[in-house]
Amino acid sequence: MISAEHITVCYGEKRVLDDFSLVLPETGITALSGPSGCGKTTLLRVLAGLERPQSGTVSGISPREIAILFQENRLLPWRSVGQHLTDVLPKDRWKDVSRLLELVELGGEASVYPPALSGGMGRRLALARCLSLPARLYLLDEPFAGVDRERAGRIMDRMRTLGLPILLSSHEEDILSMADR
């Protein structure tokens, strides 16, 4: 069981998370929602081990078992779509590139470079790269920014087949309504 218990994080005088607790199910998509600045990204960073809370604990997982998708795509313009995945996949899994690109509906785009991608396509490439990482938990910060509702729904259905817990944050009601919890 992966859990965060009694997490409190302050930035100066501003308390962003206050005695926050969460237990994640073993599989499925859990969505976080709330106004800007309420602590969604901070919680993801705490779970990933990138931020230390003033109090509270994370248990059931180590930061080495977590893959995180940041709000920024962080794509390398000199690396092709396919190379973004082979850069993080072990060599014996390079055969998975096509499957991962299909998962995010970028099939046939392996030789394209990021400057030629639309905003939504770039976001989906960043998501595919994150999902390429071997992890027991995926933390996705606004994974569907710039992606249309129908496509996001299809991708979420495919992500469920991974059989792992996924925690995502979103401001979009459509995305939230498609999550399992």
Protein backbone atom coordinates (compact mmCIF):
# COMPACT_ATOMS: atom_id res chain seq x y z
CA MET A 1 0.00 0.00 0.00
CA ILE A 2 1.35 3.43 -0.98
CA SER A 3 0.40 6.21 1.39
CA ALA A 4 1.17 9.76 2.41
CA GLU A 5 0.27 10.45 6.01
CA HIS A 6 -0.12 13.80 7.75
CA ILE A 7 1.93 15.71 5.17
CA THR A 8 2.53 19.38 5.93
CA VAL A 9 4.53 21.61 3.59
CA CYS A 10 5.13 25.32 4.08
CA TYR A 11 6.87 27.84 1.89
CA GLY A 12 7.81 30.55 4.32
CA GLU A 13 4.60 31.57 6.06
CA LYS A 14 2.38 29.96 3.41
CA ARG A 15 1.08 26.52 4.38
CA VAL A 16 0.46 24.66 1.09
CA LEU A 17 -0.37 21.23 2.51
CA ASP A 18 -1.73 20.94 6.03
CA ASP A 19 -1.91 17.49 7.63
CA PHE A 20 -2.79 15.94 4.24
CA SER A 21 -3.17 12.16 3.98
CA LEU A 22 -3.76 9.92 0.98
CA VAL A 23 -3.81 6.17 0.38
CA LEU A 24 -3.40 5.07 -3.23
CA PRO A 25 -5.07 1.96 -4.58
CA GLU A 26 -2.85 -0.72 -6.12
CA THR A 27 -4.10 0.01 -9.64
CA GLY A 28 -6.09 2.62 -11.53
CA ILE A 29 -6.11 6.34 -12.01
CA THR A 30 -6.55 8.68 -9.06
CA ALA A 31 -7.06 12.37 -9.85
CA LEU A 32 -6.19 15.42 -7.77
CA SER A 33 -8.11 18.61 -8.36
CA GLY A 34 -8.10 22.04 -6.84
CA PRO A 35 -7.36 25.67 -7.56
CA SER A 36 -3.90 26.84 -8.56
CA GLY A 37 -1.58 27.01 -5.59
CA CYS A 38 -3.48 24.51 -3.42
CA GLY A 39 -0.59 22.02 -3.30
CA LYS A 40 -1.23 19.47 -6.08
CA THR A 41 2.25 19.78 -7.60
CA THR A 42 3.80 19.99 -4.14
CA LEU A 43 2.15 16.69 -3.17
CA LEU A 44 3.50 15.02 -6.32
CA ARG A 45 6.97 16.36 -5.54
CA VAL A 46 6.75 15.05 -1.95
CA LEU A 47 5.67 11.61 -3.17
CA ALA A 48 8.55 11.58 -5.69
CA GLY A 49 11.06 12.48 -2.98
CA LEU A 50 11.87 15.84 -4.60
CA GLU A 51 10.44 17.89 -1.74
CA ARG A 52 10.73 17.26 1.99
CA PRO A 53 7.65 17.94 4.06
CA GLN A 54 7.91 19.76 7.39
CA SER A 55 6.00 16.82 8.84
CA GLY A 56 4.45 13.56 7.75
CA THR A 57 5.64 10.44 5.96
CA VAL A 58 5.40 8.63 2.65
CA SER A 59 5.41 4.87 2.89
CA GLY A 60 5.08 1.83 0.67
CA ILE A 61 7.35 3.11 -2.09
CA SER A 62 10.81 4.52 -2.68
CA PRO A 63 11.57 7.49 -4.96
CA ARG A 64 13.53 5.10 -7.22
CA GLU A 65 10.25 3.31 -8.02
CA ILE A 66 8.45 6.45 -9.17
CA ALA A 67 8.25 8.13 -12.57
CA ILE A 68 7.06 11.74 -12.72
CA LEU A 69 5.71 13.82 -15.57
CA PHE A 70 6.33 17.50 -14.84
CA GLN A 71 4.05 20.31 -16.06
CA GLU A 72 6.72 21.31 -18.58
CA ASN A 73 7.36 18.85 -21.42
CA ARG A 74 11.15 19.23 -21.20
CA LEU A 75 11.64 17.91 -24.73
CA LEU A 76 15.01 18.04 -26.46
CA PRO A 77 14.59 19.71 -29.87
CA TRP A 78 17.59 17.85 -31.36
CA ARG A 79 16.19 14.39 -30.44
CA SER A 80 13.44 12.74 -32.51
CA VAL A 81 10.20 11.46 -31.00
CA GLY A 82 11.57 7.91 -31.06
CA GLN A 83 14.89 8.95 -29.59
CA HIS A 84 13.11 10.55 -26.63
CA LEU A 85 11.92 7.03 -25.76
CA THR A 86 15.09 5.10 -26.58
CA ASP A 87 16.99 7.59 -24.42
CA VAL A 88 15.16 6.25 -21.34
CA LEU A 89 14.34 2.66 -22.34
CA PRO A 90 16.86 -0.10 -21.73
CA LYS A 91 18.25 -1.35 -25.05
CA ASP A 92 16.40 -4.66 -24.75
CA ARG A 93 13.09 -2.72 -24.64
CA TRP A 94 13.64 -0.52 -27.72
CA LYS A 95 11.12 -2.77 -29.46
CA ASP A 96 8.48 -1.16 -27.16
CA VAL A 97 8.83 2.27 -28.81
CA SER A 98 6.04 1.64 -31.31
CA ARG A 99 3.69 0.31 -28.62
CA LEU A 100 4.36 3.31 -26.37
CA LEU A 101 3.82 5.75 -29.24
CA GLU A 102 0.54 4.00 -30.08
CA LEU A 103 -0.51 4.25 -26.43
CA VAL A 104 -0.38 8.06 -26.68
CA GLU A 105 -1.57 8.17 -30.31
CA LEU A 106 1.75 9.21 -31.82
CA GLY A 107 2.19 6.13 -34.00
CA GLY A 108 4.11 6.94 -37.18
CA GLU A 109 5.77 10.00 -35.62
CA ALA A 110 9.02 8.35 -34.41
CA SER A 111 11.24 10.27 -36.85
CA VAL A 112 9.66 13.69 -36.22
CA TYR A 113 11.44 16.30 -34.07
CA PRO A 114 9.71 18.25 -31.27
CA PRO A 115 9.64 21.65 -33.04
CA ALA A 116 7.34 20.06 -35.68
CA LEU A 117 4.85 18.81 -33.04
CA SER A 118 1.75 20.65 -31.90
CA GLY A 119 1.44 21.50 -28.21
CA GLY A 120 -0.81 18.50 -27.55
CA MET A 121 1.52 16.18 -29.46
CA GLY A 122 4.48 17.41 -27.42
CA ARG A 123 2.54 16.76 -24.24
CA ARG A 124 1.72 13.23 -25.37
CA LEU A 125 5.40 12.63 -26.21
CA ALA A 126 6.39 13.74 -22.71
CA LEU A 127 3.75 11.36 -21.31
CA ALA A 128 5.05 8.46 -23.44
CA ARG A 129 8.59 9.15 -22.22
CA CYS A 130 7.39 9.08 -18.60
CA LEU A 131 5.47 5.84 -19.16
CA SER A 132 8.63 4.35 -20.71
CA LEU A 133 10.31 4.41 -17.33
CA PRO A 134 10.01 1.28 -15.20
CA ALA A 135 7.99 2.38 -12.18
CA ARG A 136 5.60 1.14 -9.53
CA LEU A 137 3.85 4.54 -9.43
CA TYR A 138 3.36 7.19 -12.10
CA LEU A 139 2.86 10.81 -10.99
CA LEU A 140 1.45 12.96 -13.80
CA ASP A 141 1.18 16.73 -13.42
CA GLU A 142 -1.42 18.07 -15.88
CA PRO A 143 -0.76 15.22 -18.36
CA PHE A 144 -3.50 16.21 -20.80
CA ALA A 145 -2.90 19.96 -21.17
CA GLY A 146 -3.60 20.73 -24.82
CA VAL A 147 -5.02 17.25 -25.52
CA ASP A 148 -8.65 16.96 -26.64
CA ARG A 149 -11.12 15.17 -24.36
CA GLU A 150 -11.79 12.15 -26.60
CA ARG A 151 -8.10 11.44 -27.13
CA ALA A 152 -7.36 11.91 -23.43
CA GLY A 153 -10.09 9.38 -22.63
CA ARG A 154 -8.65 6.80 -25.01
CA ILE A 155 -5.15 7.31 -23.59
CA MET A 156 -6.45 7.00 -20.02
CA ASP A 157 -8.16 3.71 -20.94
CA ARG A 158 -4.84 2.41 -22.28
CA MET A 159 -2.97 3.62 -19.19
CA ARG A 160 -5.33 1.58 -17.00
CA THR A 161 -4.10 -1.58 -18.73
CA LEU A 162 -0.64 -0.96 -17.22
CA GLY A 163 -2.08 -2.35 -13.97
CA LEU A 164 -0.23 0.17 -11.82
CA PRO A 165 -1.29 3.11 -9.68
CA ILE A 166 -1.35 6.46 -11.47
CA LEU A 167 -1.84 9.74 -9.65
CA LEU A 168 -2.57 12.73 -11.85
CA SER A 169 -3.43 16.35 -11.27
CA SER A 170 -5.77 18.29 -13.51
CA HIS A 171 -7.88 21.42 -13.62
CA GLU A 172 -10.07 19.97 -16.36
CA GLU A 173 -13.44 18.56 -15.27
CA ASP A 174 -13.52 16.19 -18.26
CA ILE A 175 -10.24 14.59 -17.20
CA LEU A 176 -11.33 14.34 -13.59
CA SER A 177 -14.57 12.63 -14.57
CA MET A 178 -12.64 9.94 -16.48
CA ALA A 179 -10.43 9.01 -13.50
CA ASP A 180 -11.29 5.99 -11.39
CA ARG A 181 -11.32 8.05 -8.20
